[in-house]
PDB file of N, CA and C in Angstrom:
ATOM      1  N   UNK A   1       0.860  -1.181  -0.008  1.00  0.00           N
ATOM      2  CA  UNK A   1      -0.010  -0.012  -0.003  1.00  0.00           C
ATOM      3  C   UNK A   1       0.852   1.259   0.007  1.00  0.00           C
ATOM      4  N   UNK A   2       1.882   1.253   0.889  1.00  0.00           N
ATOM      5  CA  UNK A   2       2.795   2.460   0.978  1.00  0.00           C
ATOM      6  C   UNK A   2       3.434   2.653  -0.358  1.00  0.00           C
ATOM      7  N   UNK A   3       3.922   1.572  -0.973  1.00  0.00           N
ATOM      8  CA  UNK A   3       4.576   1.617  -2.271  1.00  0.00           C
ATOM      9  C   UNK A   3       3.654   2.210  -3.346  1.00  0.00           C
ATOM     10  N   UNK A   4       2.352   1.801  -3.313  1.00  0.00           N
ATOM     11  CA  UNK A   4       1.366   2.302  -4.288  1.00  0.00           C
ATOM     12  C   UNK A   4       1.172   3.810  -4.129  1.00  0.00           C
ATOM     13  N   UNK A   5       1.171   4.283  -2.878  1.00  0.00           N
ATOM     14  CA  UNK A   5       1.032   5.748  -2.713  1.00  0.00           C
ATOM     15  C   UNK A   5       2.257   6.432  -3.245  1.00  0.00           C
ATOM     16  N   UNK A   6       3.444   5.897  -2.969  1.00  0.00           N
ATOM     17  CA  UNK A   6       4.670   6.527  -3.483  1.00  0.00           C
ATOM     18  C   UNK A   6       4.698   6.528  -5.024  1.00  0.00           C
ATOM     19  N   UNK A   7       4.256   5.421  -5.612  1.00  0.00           N
ATOM     20  CA  UNK A   7       4.207   5.410  -7.074  1.00  0.00           C
ATOM     21  C   UNK A   7       3.219   6.391  -7.623  1.00  0.00           C
ATOM     22  N   UNK A   8       2.116   6.554  -6.962  1.00  0.00           N
ATOM     23  CA  UNK A   8       1.081   7.512  -7.453  1.00  0.00           C
ATOM     24  C   UNK A   8       1.659   8.944  -7.357  1.00  0.00           C
ATOM     25  N   UNK A   9       2.411   9.212  -6.295  1.00  0.00           N
ATOM     26  CA  UNK A   9       2.981  10.556  -6.161  1.00  0.00           C
ATOM     27  C   UNK A   9       4.037  10.770  -7.250  1.00  0.00           C
ATOM     28  N   UNK A  10       4.780   9.684  -7.604  1.00  0.00           N
ATOM     29  CA  UNK A  10       5.820   9.847  -8.628  1.00  0.00           C
ATOM     30  C   UNK A  10       5.192  10.062 -10.041  1.00  0.00           C
ATOM     31  N   UNK A  11       4.024   9.393 -10.245  1.00  0.00           N
ATOM     32  CA  UNK A  11       3.492   9.461 -11.585  1.00  0.00           C
ATOM     33  C   UNK A  11       2.824  10.749 -11.970  1.00  0.00           C
ATOM     34  N   UNK A  12       2.276  11.422 -11.000  1.00  0.00           N
ATOM     35  CA  UNK A  12       1.556  12.689 -11.315  1.00  0.00           C
ATOM     36  C   UNK A  12       1.474  13.563 -10.066  1.00  0.00           C
ATOM     37  N   UNK A  13       1.808  14.859 -10.244  1.00  0.00           N
ATOM     38  CA  UNK A  13       1.763  15.739  -9.115  1.00  0.00           C
ATOM     39  C   UNK A  13       0.354  15.839  -8.535  1.00  0.00           C
ATOM     40  N   UNK A  14       0.263  16.046  -7.218  1.00  0.00           N
ATOM     41  CA  UNK A  14      -1.033  16.164  -6.599  1.00  0.00           C
ATOM     42  C   UNK A  14      -1.532  17.580  -6.774  1.00  0.00           C
ATOM     43  N   UNK A  15      -2.768  17.700  -7.155  1.00  0.00           N
ATOM     44  CA  UNK A  15      -3.408  19.063  -7.382  1.00  0.00           C
ATOM     45  C   UNK A  15      -4.764  19.032  -6.707  1.00  0.00           C
ATOM     46  N   UNK A  16      -4.885  19.451  -5.471  1.00  0.00           N
ATOM     47  CA  UNK A  16      -6.196  19.532  -4.852  1.00  0.00           C
ATOM     48  C   UNK A  16      -7.118  20.487  -5.625  1.00  0.00           C
ATOM     49  N   UNK A  17      -8.428  20.132  -5.679  1.00  0.00           N
ATOM     50  CA  UNK A  17      -9.425  20.930  -6.368  1.00  0.00           C
ATOM     51  C   UNK A  17      -9.396  22.362  -5.985  1.00  0.00           C
ATOM     52  N   UNK A  18      -9.203  22.684  -4.713  1.00  0.00           N
ATOM     53  CA  UNK A  18      -9.368  24.096  -4.248  1.00  0.00           C
ATOM     54  C   UNK A  18      -8.216  24.974  -4.657  1.00  0.00           C
ATOM     55  N   UNK A  19      -7.154  24.432  -5.258  1.00  0.00           N
ATOM     56  CA  UNK A  19      -6.094  25.256  -5.737  1.00  0.00           C
ATOM     57  C   UNK A  19      -5.975  25.345  -7.242  1.00  0.00           C
ATOM     58  N   UNK A  20      -6.811  24.598  -7.947  1.00  0.00           N
ATOM     59  CA  UNK A  20      -6.767  24.555  -9.422  1.00  0.00           C
ATOM     60  C   UNK A  20      -6.891  25.903 -10.068  1.00  0.00           C
ATOM     61  N   UNK A  21      -7.704  26.759  -9.498  1.00  0.00           N
ATOM     62  CA  UNK A  21      -7.907  28.123 -10.098  1.00  0.00           C
ATOM     63  C   UNK A  21      -6.869  29.149  -9.569  1.00  0.00           C
ATOM     64  N   UNK A  22      -6.018  28.752  -8.702  1.00  0.00           N
ATOM     65  CA  UNK A  22      -5.044  29.717  -8.104  1.00  0.00           C
ATOM     66  C   UNK A  22      -3.915  29.994  -9.090  1.00  0.00           C
ATOM     67  N   UNK A  23      -3.454  31.198  -9.077  1.00  0.00           N
ATOM     68  CA  UNK A  23      -2.364  31.625  -9.940  1.00  0.00           C
ATOM     69  C   UNK A  23      -1.033  31.157  -9.296  1.00  0.00           C
ATOM     70  N   UNK A  24      -0.084  30.767 -10.102  1.00  0.00           N
ATOM     71  CA  UNK A  24       1.283  30.412  -9.549  1.00  0.00           C
ATOM     72  C   UNK A  24       1.884  31.560  -8.763  1.00  0.00           C
ATOM     73  N   UNK A  25       2.534  31.192  -7.695  1.00  0.00           N
ATOM     74  CA  UNK A  25       3.275  32.171  -6.841  1.00  0.00           C
ATOM     75  C   UNK A  25       4.733  32.189  -7.214  1.00  0.00           C
ATOM     76  N   UNK A  26       5.370  33.349  -7.055  1.00  0.00           N
ATOM     77  CA  UNK A  26       6.805  33.436  -7.192  1.00  0.00           C
ATOM     78  C   UNK A  26       7.412  32.859  -5.902  1.00  0.00           C
ATOM     79  N   UNK A  27       8.718  32.577  -5.969  1.00  0.00           N
ATOM     80  CA  UNK A  27       9.350  32.073  -4.718  1.00  0.00           C
ATOM     81  C   UNK A  27       9.286  33.097  -3.592  1.00  0.00           C
ATOM     82  N   UNK A  28       9.292  34.355  -3.924  1.00  0.00           N
ATOM     83  CA  UNK A  28       9.181  35.396  -2.860  1.00  0.00           C
ATOM     84  C   UNK A  28       7.777  35.375  -2.247  1.00  0.00           C
ATOM     85  N   UNK A  29       6.795  35.163  -3.075  1.00  0.00           N
ATOM     86  CA  UNK A  29       5.393  35.107  -2.606  1.00  0.00           C
ATOM     87  C   UNK A  29       5.232  33.861  -1.759  1.00  0.00           C
ATOM     88  N   UNK A  30       5.733  32.760  -2.137  1.00  0.00           N
ATOM     89  CA  UNK A  30       5.661  31.519  -1.342  1.00  0.00           C
ATOM     90  C   UNK A  30       6.257  31.786   0.029  1.00  0.00           C
ATOM     91  N   UNK A  31       7.454  32.310   0.058  1.00  0.00           N
ATOM     92  CA  UNK A  31       8.118  32.637   1.301  1.00  0.00           C
ATOM     93  C   UNK A  31       7.254  33.530   2.210  1.00  0.00           C
ATOM     94  N   UNK A  32       6.681  34.507   1.604  1.00  0.00           N
ATOM     95  CA  UNK A  32       5.780  35.502   2.327  1.00  0.00           C
ATOM     96  C   UNK A  32       4.616  34.721   2.910  1.00  0.00           C
ATOM     97  N   UNK A  33       3.970  33.846   2.164  1.00  0.00           N
ATOM     98  CA  UNK A  33       2.821  33.102   2.670  1.00  0.00           C
ATOM     99  C   UNK A  33       3.245  32.213   3.798  1.00  0.00           C
ATOM    100  N   UNK A  34       4.398  31.579   3.689  1.00  0.00           N
ATOM    101  CA  UNK A  34       4.871  30.715   4.805  1.00  0.00           C
ATOM    102  C   UNK A  34       5.162  31.530   6.028  1.00  0.00           C
ATOM    103  N   UNK A  35       5.642  32.779   5.880  1.00  0.00           N
ATOM    104  CA  UNK A  35       5.826  33.630   7.033  1.00  0.00           C
ATOM    105  C   UNK A  35       4.536  33.982   7.693  1.00  0.00           C
ATOM    106  N   UNK A  36       3.485  34.179   6.912  1.00  0.00           N
ATOM    107  CA  UNK A  36       2.133  34.434   7.462  1.00  0.00           C
ATOM    108  C   UNK A  36       1.693  33.255   8.247  1.00  0.00           C
ATOM    109  N   UNK A  37       1.955  32.058   7.739  1.00  0.00           N
ATOM    110  CA  UNK A  37       1.568  30.828   8.471  1.00  0.00           C
ATOM    111  C   UNK A  37       2.272  30.738   9.848  1.00  0.00           C
ATOM    112  N   UNK A  38       3.483  31.155   9.830  1.00  0.00           N
ATOM    113  CA  UNK A  38       4.234  31.154  11.172  1.00  0.00           C
ATOM    114  C   UNK A  38       3.627  32.157  12.083  1.00  0.00           C
ATOM    115  N   UNK A  39       3.162  33.296  11.553  1.00  0.00           N
ATOM    116  CA  UNK A  39       2.511  34.312  12.452  1.00  0.00           C
ATOM    117  C   UNK A  39       1.215  33.747  12.937  1.00  0.00           C
ATOM    118  N   UNK A  40       0.458  32.985  12.156  1.00  0.00           N
ATOM    119  CA  UNK A  40      -0.758  32.348  12.603  1.00  0.00           C
ATOM    120  C   UNK A  40      -0.439  31.399  13.762  1.00  0.00           C
ATOM    121  N   UNK A  41       0.620  30.618  13.580  1.00  0.00           N
ATOM    122  CA  UNK A  41       1.047  29.645  14.614  1.00  0.00           C
ATOM    123  C   UNK A  41       1.292  30.346  15.898  1.00  0.00           C
ATOM    124  N   UNK A  42       2.011  31.420  15.865  1.00  0.00           N
ATOM    125  CA  UNK A  42       2.355  32.168  17.112  1.00  0.00           C
ATOM    126  C   UNK A  42       1.042  32.704  17.728  1.00  0.00           C
ATOM    127  N   UNK A  43       0.189  33.241  16.878  1.00  0.00           N
ATOM    128  CA  UNK A  43      -1.082  33.789  17.395  1.00  0.00           C
ATOM    129  C   UNK A  43      -1.987  32.785  18.035  1.00  0.00           C
ATOM    130  N   UNK A  44      -2.259  31.714  17.358  1.00  0.00           N
ATOM    131  CA  UNK A  44      -3.241  30.705  17.912  1.00  0.00           C
ATOM    132  C   UNK A  44      -2.713  29.921  19.098  1.00  0.00           C
ATOM    133  N   UNK A  45      -1.387  29.780  19.208  1.00  0.00           N
ATOM    134  CA  UNK A  45      -0.885  29.019  20.283  1.00  0.00           C
ATOM    135  C   UNK A  45      -0.443  29.886  21.498  1.00  0.00           C
ATOM    136  N   UNK A  46      -0.143  31.150  21.234  1.00  0.00           N
ATOM    137  CA  UNK A  46       0.249  31.992  22.350  1.00  0.00           C
ATOM    138  C   UNK A  46      -0.778  33.068  22.716  1.00  0.00           C
ATOM    139  N   UNK A  47      -1.614  33.467  21.778  1.00  0.00           N
ATOM    140  CA  UNK A  47      -2.657  34.485  22.088  1.00  0.00           C
ATOM    141  C   UNK A  47      -3.952  34.103  21.349  1.00  0.00           C
ATOM    142  N   UNK A  48      -4.534  32.938  21.627  1.00  0.00           N
ATOM    143  CA  UNK A  48      -5.719  32.466  20.908  1.00  0.00           C
ATOM    144  C   UNK A  48      -6.887  33.436  21.092  1.00  0.00           C
ATOM    145  N   UNK A  49      -6.952  34.137  22.216  1.00  0.00           N
ATOM    146  CA  UNK A  49      -8.067  35.055  22.461  1.00  0.00           C
ATOM    147  C   UNK A  49      -8.048  36.256  21.503  1.00  0.00           C
ATOM    148  N   UNK A  50      -6.851  36.522  20.952  1.00  0.00           N
ATOM    149  CA  UNK A  50      -6.681  37.673  20.050  1.00  0.00           C
ATOM    150  C   UNK A  50      -6.659  37.226  18.581  1.00  0.00           C
ATOM    151  N   UNK A  51      -6.799  35.994  18.310  1.00  0.00           N
ATOM    152  CA  UNK A  51      -6.722  35.459  16.963  1.00  0.00           C
ATOM    153  C   UNK A  51      -7.994  35.793  16.139  1.00  0.00           C
ATOM    154  N   UNK A  52      -7.763  36.434  15.002  1.00  0.00           N
ATOM    155  CA  UNK A  52      -8.859  36.680  14.053  1.00  0.00           C
ATOM    156  C   UNK A  52      -8.944  35.417  13.162  1.00  0.00           C
ATOM    157  N   UNK A  53      -9.914  34.591  13.449  1.00  0.00           N
ATOM    158  CA  UNK A  53      -9.968  33.324  12.739  1.00  0.00           C
ATOM    159  C   UNK A  53     -10.135  33.415  11.213  1.00  0.00           C
ATOM    160  N   UNK A  54     -10.867  34.424  10.775  1.00  0.00           N
ATOM    161  CA  UNK A  54     -11.021  34.596   9.318  1.00  0.00           C
ATOM    162  C   UNK A  54      -9.644  34.896   8.720  1.00  0.00           C
ATOM    163  N   UNK A  55      -8.888  35.770   9.303  1.00  0.00           N
ATOM    164  CA  UNK A  55      -7.550  36.082   8.773  1.00  0.00           C
ATOM    165  C   UNK A  55      -6.646  34.852   8.842  1.00  0.00           C
ATOM    166  N   UNK A  56      -6.777  34.112   9.964  1.00  0.00           N
ATOM    167  CA  UNK A  56      -5.933  32.890  10.122  1.00  0.00           C
ATOM    168  C   UNK A  56      -6.269  31.925   8.979  1.00  0.00           C
ATOM    169  N   UNK A  57      -7.505  31.736   8.653  1.00  0.00           N
ATOM    170  CA  UNK A  57      -7.935  30.821   7.632  1.00  0.00           C
ATOM    171  C   UNK A  57      -7.359  31.286   6.254  1.00  0.00           C
ATOM    172  N   UNK A  58      -7.467  32.529   5.963  1.00  0.00           N
ATOM    173  CA  UNK A  58      -6.928  33.032   4.710  1.00  0.00           C
ATOM    174  C   UNK A  58      -5.445  32.818   4.616  1.00  0.00           C
ATOM    175  N   UNK A  59      -4.739  33.133   5.686  1.00  0.00           N
ATOM    176  CA  UNK A  59      -3.256  32.983   5.704  1.00  0.00           C
ATOM    177  C   UNK A  59      -2.895  31.491   5.533  1.00  0.00           C
ATOM    178  N   UNK A  60      -3.572  30.646   6.216  1.00  0.00           N
ATOM    179  CA  UNK A  60      -3.257  29.229   6.126  1.00  0.00           C
ATOM    180  C   UNK A  60      -3.602  28.657   4.802  1.00  0.00           C
ATOM    181  N   UNK A  61      -4.693  29.080   4.203  1.00  0.00           N
ATOM    182  CA  UNK A  61      -5.036  28.611   2.830  1.00  0.00           C
ATOM    183  C   UNK A  61      -3.961  29.043   1.808  1.00  0.00           C
ATOM    184  N   UNK A  62      -3.546  30.311   1.956  1.00  0.00           N
ATOM    185  CA  UNK A  62      -2.443  30.792   1.034  1.00  0.00           C
ATOM    186  C   UNK A  62      -1.178  30.055   1.252  1.00  0.00           C
ATOM    187  N   UNK A  63      -0.842  29.719   2.493  1.00  0.00           N
ATOM    188  CA  UNK A  63       0.380  28.935   2.781  1.00  0.00           C
ATOM    189  C   UNK A  63       0.250  27.563   2.202  1.00  0.00           C
ATOM    190  N   UNK A  64      -0.910  26.969   2.369  1.00  0.00           N
ATOM    191  CA  UNK A  64      -1.150  25.604   1.809  1.00  0.00           C
ATOM    192  C   UNK A  64      -0.977  25.595   0.262  1.00  0.00           C
ATOM    193  N   UNK A  65      -1.487  26.703  -0.353  1.00  0.00           N
ATOM    194  CA  UNK A  65      -1.287  26.804  -1.821  1.00  0.00           C
ATOM    195  C   UNK A  65       0.202  26.808  -2.170  1.00  0.00           C
ATOM    196  N   UNK A  66       0.974  27.635  -1.420  1.00  0.00           N
ATOM    197  CA  UNK A  66       2.433  27.666  -1.668  1.00  0.00           C
ATOM    198  C   UNK A  66       3.114  26.335  -1.424  1.00  0.00           C
ATOM    199  N   UNK A  67       2.688  25.631  -0.364  1.00  0.00           N
ATOM    200  CA  UNK A  67       3.275  24.329  -0.058  1.00  0.00           C
ATOM    201  C   UNK A  67       2.906  23.336  -1.190  1.00  0.00           C
ATOM    202  N   UNK A  68       1.711  23.356  -1.630  1.00  0.00           N
ATOM    203  CA  UNK A  68       1.318  22.468  -2.684  1.00  0.00           C
ATOM    204  C   UNK A  68       2.049  22.786  -4.020  1.00  0.00           C
ATOM    205  N   UNK A  69       2.232  24.064  -4.276  1.00  0.00           N
ATOM    206  CA  UNK A  69       2.991  24.442  -5.468  1.00  0.00           C
ATOM    207  C   UNK A  69       4.408  23.924  -5.339  1.00  0.00           C
ATOM    208  N   UNK A  70       5.057  24.049  -4.186  1.00  0.00           N
ATOM    209  CA  UNK A  70       6.399  23.544  -3.981  1.00  0.00           C
ATOM    210  C   UNK A  70       6.399  22.034  -4.160  1.00  0.00           C
ATOM    211  N   UNK A  71       5.378  21.344  -3.637  1.00  0.00           N
ATOM    212  CA  UNK A  71       5.291  19.921  -3.717  1.00  0.00           C
ATOM    213  C   UNK A  71       5.280  19.507  -5.248  1.00  0.00           C
ATOM    214  N   UNK A  72       4.409  20.164  -5.988  1.00  0.00           N
ATOM    215  CA  UNK A  72       4.280  19.879  -7.388  1.00  0.00           C
ATOM    216  C   UNK A  72       5.613  20.155  -8.103  1.00  0.00           C
ATOM    217  N   UNK A  73       6.270  21.233  -7.746  1.00  0.00           N
ATOM    218  CA  UNK A  73       7.550  21.557  -8.381  1.00  0.00           C
ATOM    219  C   UNK A  73       8.612  20.489  -8.066  1.00  0.00           C
ATOM    220  N   UNK A  74       8.613  20.009  -6.856  1.00  0.00           N
ATOM    221  CA  UNK A  74       9.598  18.947  -6.468  1.00  0.00           C
ATOM    222  C   UNK A  74       9.253  17.686  -7.282  1.00  0.00           C
ATOM    223  N   UNK A  75       7.975  17.315  -7.438  1.00  0.00           N
ATOM    224  CA  UNK A  75       7.601  16.134  -8.191  1.00  0.00           C
ATOM    225  C   UNK A  75       8.039  16.295  -9.636  1.00  0.00           C
ATOM    226  N   UNK A  76       7.936  17.503 -10.231  1.00  0.00           N
ATOM    227  CA  UNK A  76       8.411  17.708 -11.602  1.00  0.00           C
ATOM    228  C   UNK A  76       9.894  17.498 -11.687  1.00  0.00           C
ATOM    229  N   UNK A  77      10.653  18.025 -10.711  1.00  0.00           N
ATOM    230  CA  UNK A  77      12.083  17.890 -10.680  1.00  0.00           C
ATOM    231  C   UNK A  77      12.452  16.418 -10.588  1.00  0.00           C
ATOM    232  N   UNK A  78      11.767  15.697  -9.723  1.00  0.00           N
ATOM    233  CA  UNK A  78      12.060  14.224  -9.614  1.00  0.00           C
ATOM    234  C   UNK A  78      11.759  13.527 -10.934  1.00  0.00           C
ATOM    235  N   UNK A  79      10.666  13.843 -11.597  1.00  0.00           N
ATOM    236  CA  UNK A  79      10.338  13.231 -12.824  1.00  0.00           C
ATOM    237  C   UNK A  79      11.360  13.525 -13.908  1.00  0.00           C
ATOM    238  N   UNK A  80      11.789  14.808 -13.965  1.00  0.00           N
ATOM    239  CA  UNK A  80      12.771  15.143 -14.936  1.00  0.00           C
ATOM    240  C   UNK A  80      14.124  14.449 -14.687  1.00  0.00           C
ATOM    241  N   UNK A  81      14.517  14.353 -13.457  1.00  0.00           N
ATOM    242  CA  UNK A  81      15.759  13.611 -13.113  1.00  0.00           C
ATOM    243  C   UNK A  81      15.648  12.176 -13.493  1.00  0.00           C
ATOM    244  N   UNK A  82      14.539  11.582 -13.168  1.00  0.00           N
ATOM    245  CA  UNK A  82      14.315  10.149 -13.526  1.00  0.00           C
ATOM    246  C   UNK A  82      14.358  10.003 -15.008  1.00  0.00           C
ATOM    247  N   UNK A  83      13.768  10.922 -15.765  1.00  0.00           N
ATOM    248  CA  UNK A  83      13.777  10.853 -17.234  1.00  0.00           C
ATOM    249  C   UNK A  83      15.190  10.959 -17.760  1.00  0.00           C
ATOM    250  N   UNK A  84      15.945  11.906 -17.186  1.00  0.00           N
ATOM    251  CA  UNK A  84      17.327  12.081 -17.616  1.00  0.00           C
ATOM    252  C   UNK A  84      18.204  10.912 -17.386  1.00  0.00           C
ATOM    253  N   UNK A  85      17.990  10.265 -16.209  1.00  0.00           N
ATOM    254  CA  UNK A  85      18.771   9.078 -15.869  1.00  0.00           C
ATOM    255  C   UNK A  85      18.425   7.911 -16.713  1.00  0.00           C
ATOM    256  N   UNK A  86      17.178   7.849 -17.209  1.00  0.00           N
ATOM    257  CA  UNK A  86      16.728   6.773 -18.090  1.00  0.00           C
ATOM    258  C   UNK A  86      17.255   6.829 -19.502  1.00  0.00           C
ATOM    259  N   UNK A  87      17.805   7.957 -19.889  1.00  0.00           N
ATOM    260  CA  UNK A  87      18.293   8.128 -21.287  1.00  0.00           C
ATOM    261  C   UNK A  87      19.635   7.525 -21.454  1.00  0.00           C
TER     262      UNK A  87
END
């Protein structure tokens, strides 16, 4: 089962439905979104009474988009390397 999951990840990048309409982020934008996720972490674990949950959700969704974009990029790099090694 674990091997099947790994093979599925290798064969095609994961693209959740809720990010399909999202525009690609630059590396600087991805880093910025990850920074916002860290701010959410600090807020919800250290000052949950002051957390604006709507803002937290937006920040975490944007960070998730950035993470999934990086995941897909890594999968493409892996596929390209595998293809190059196979030649």
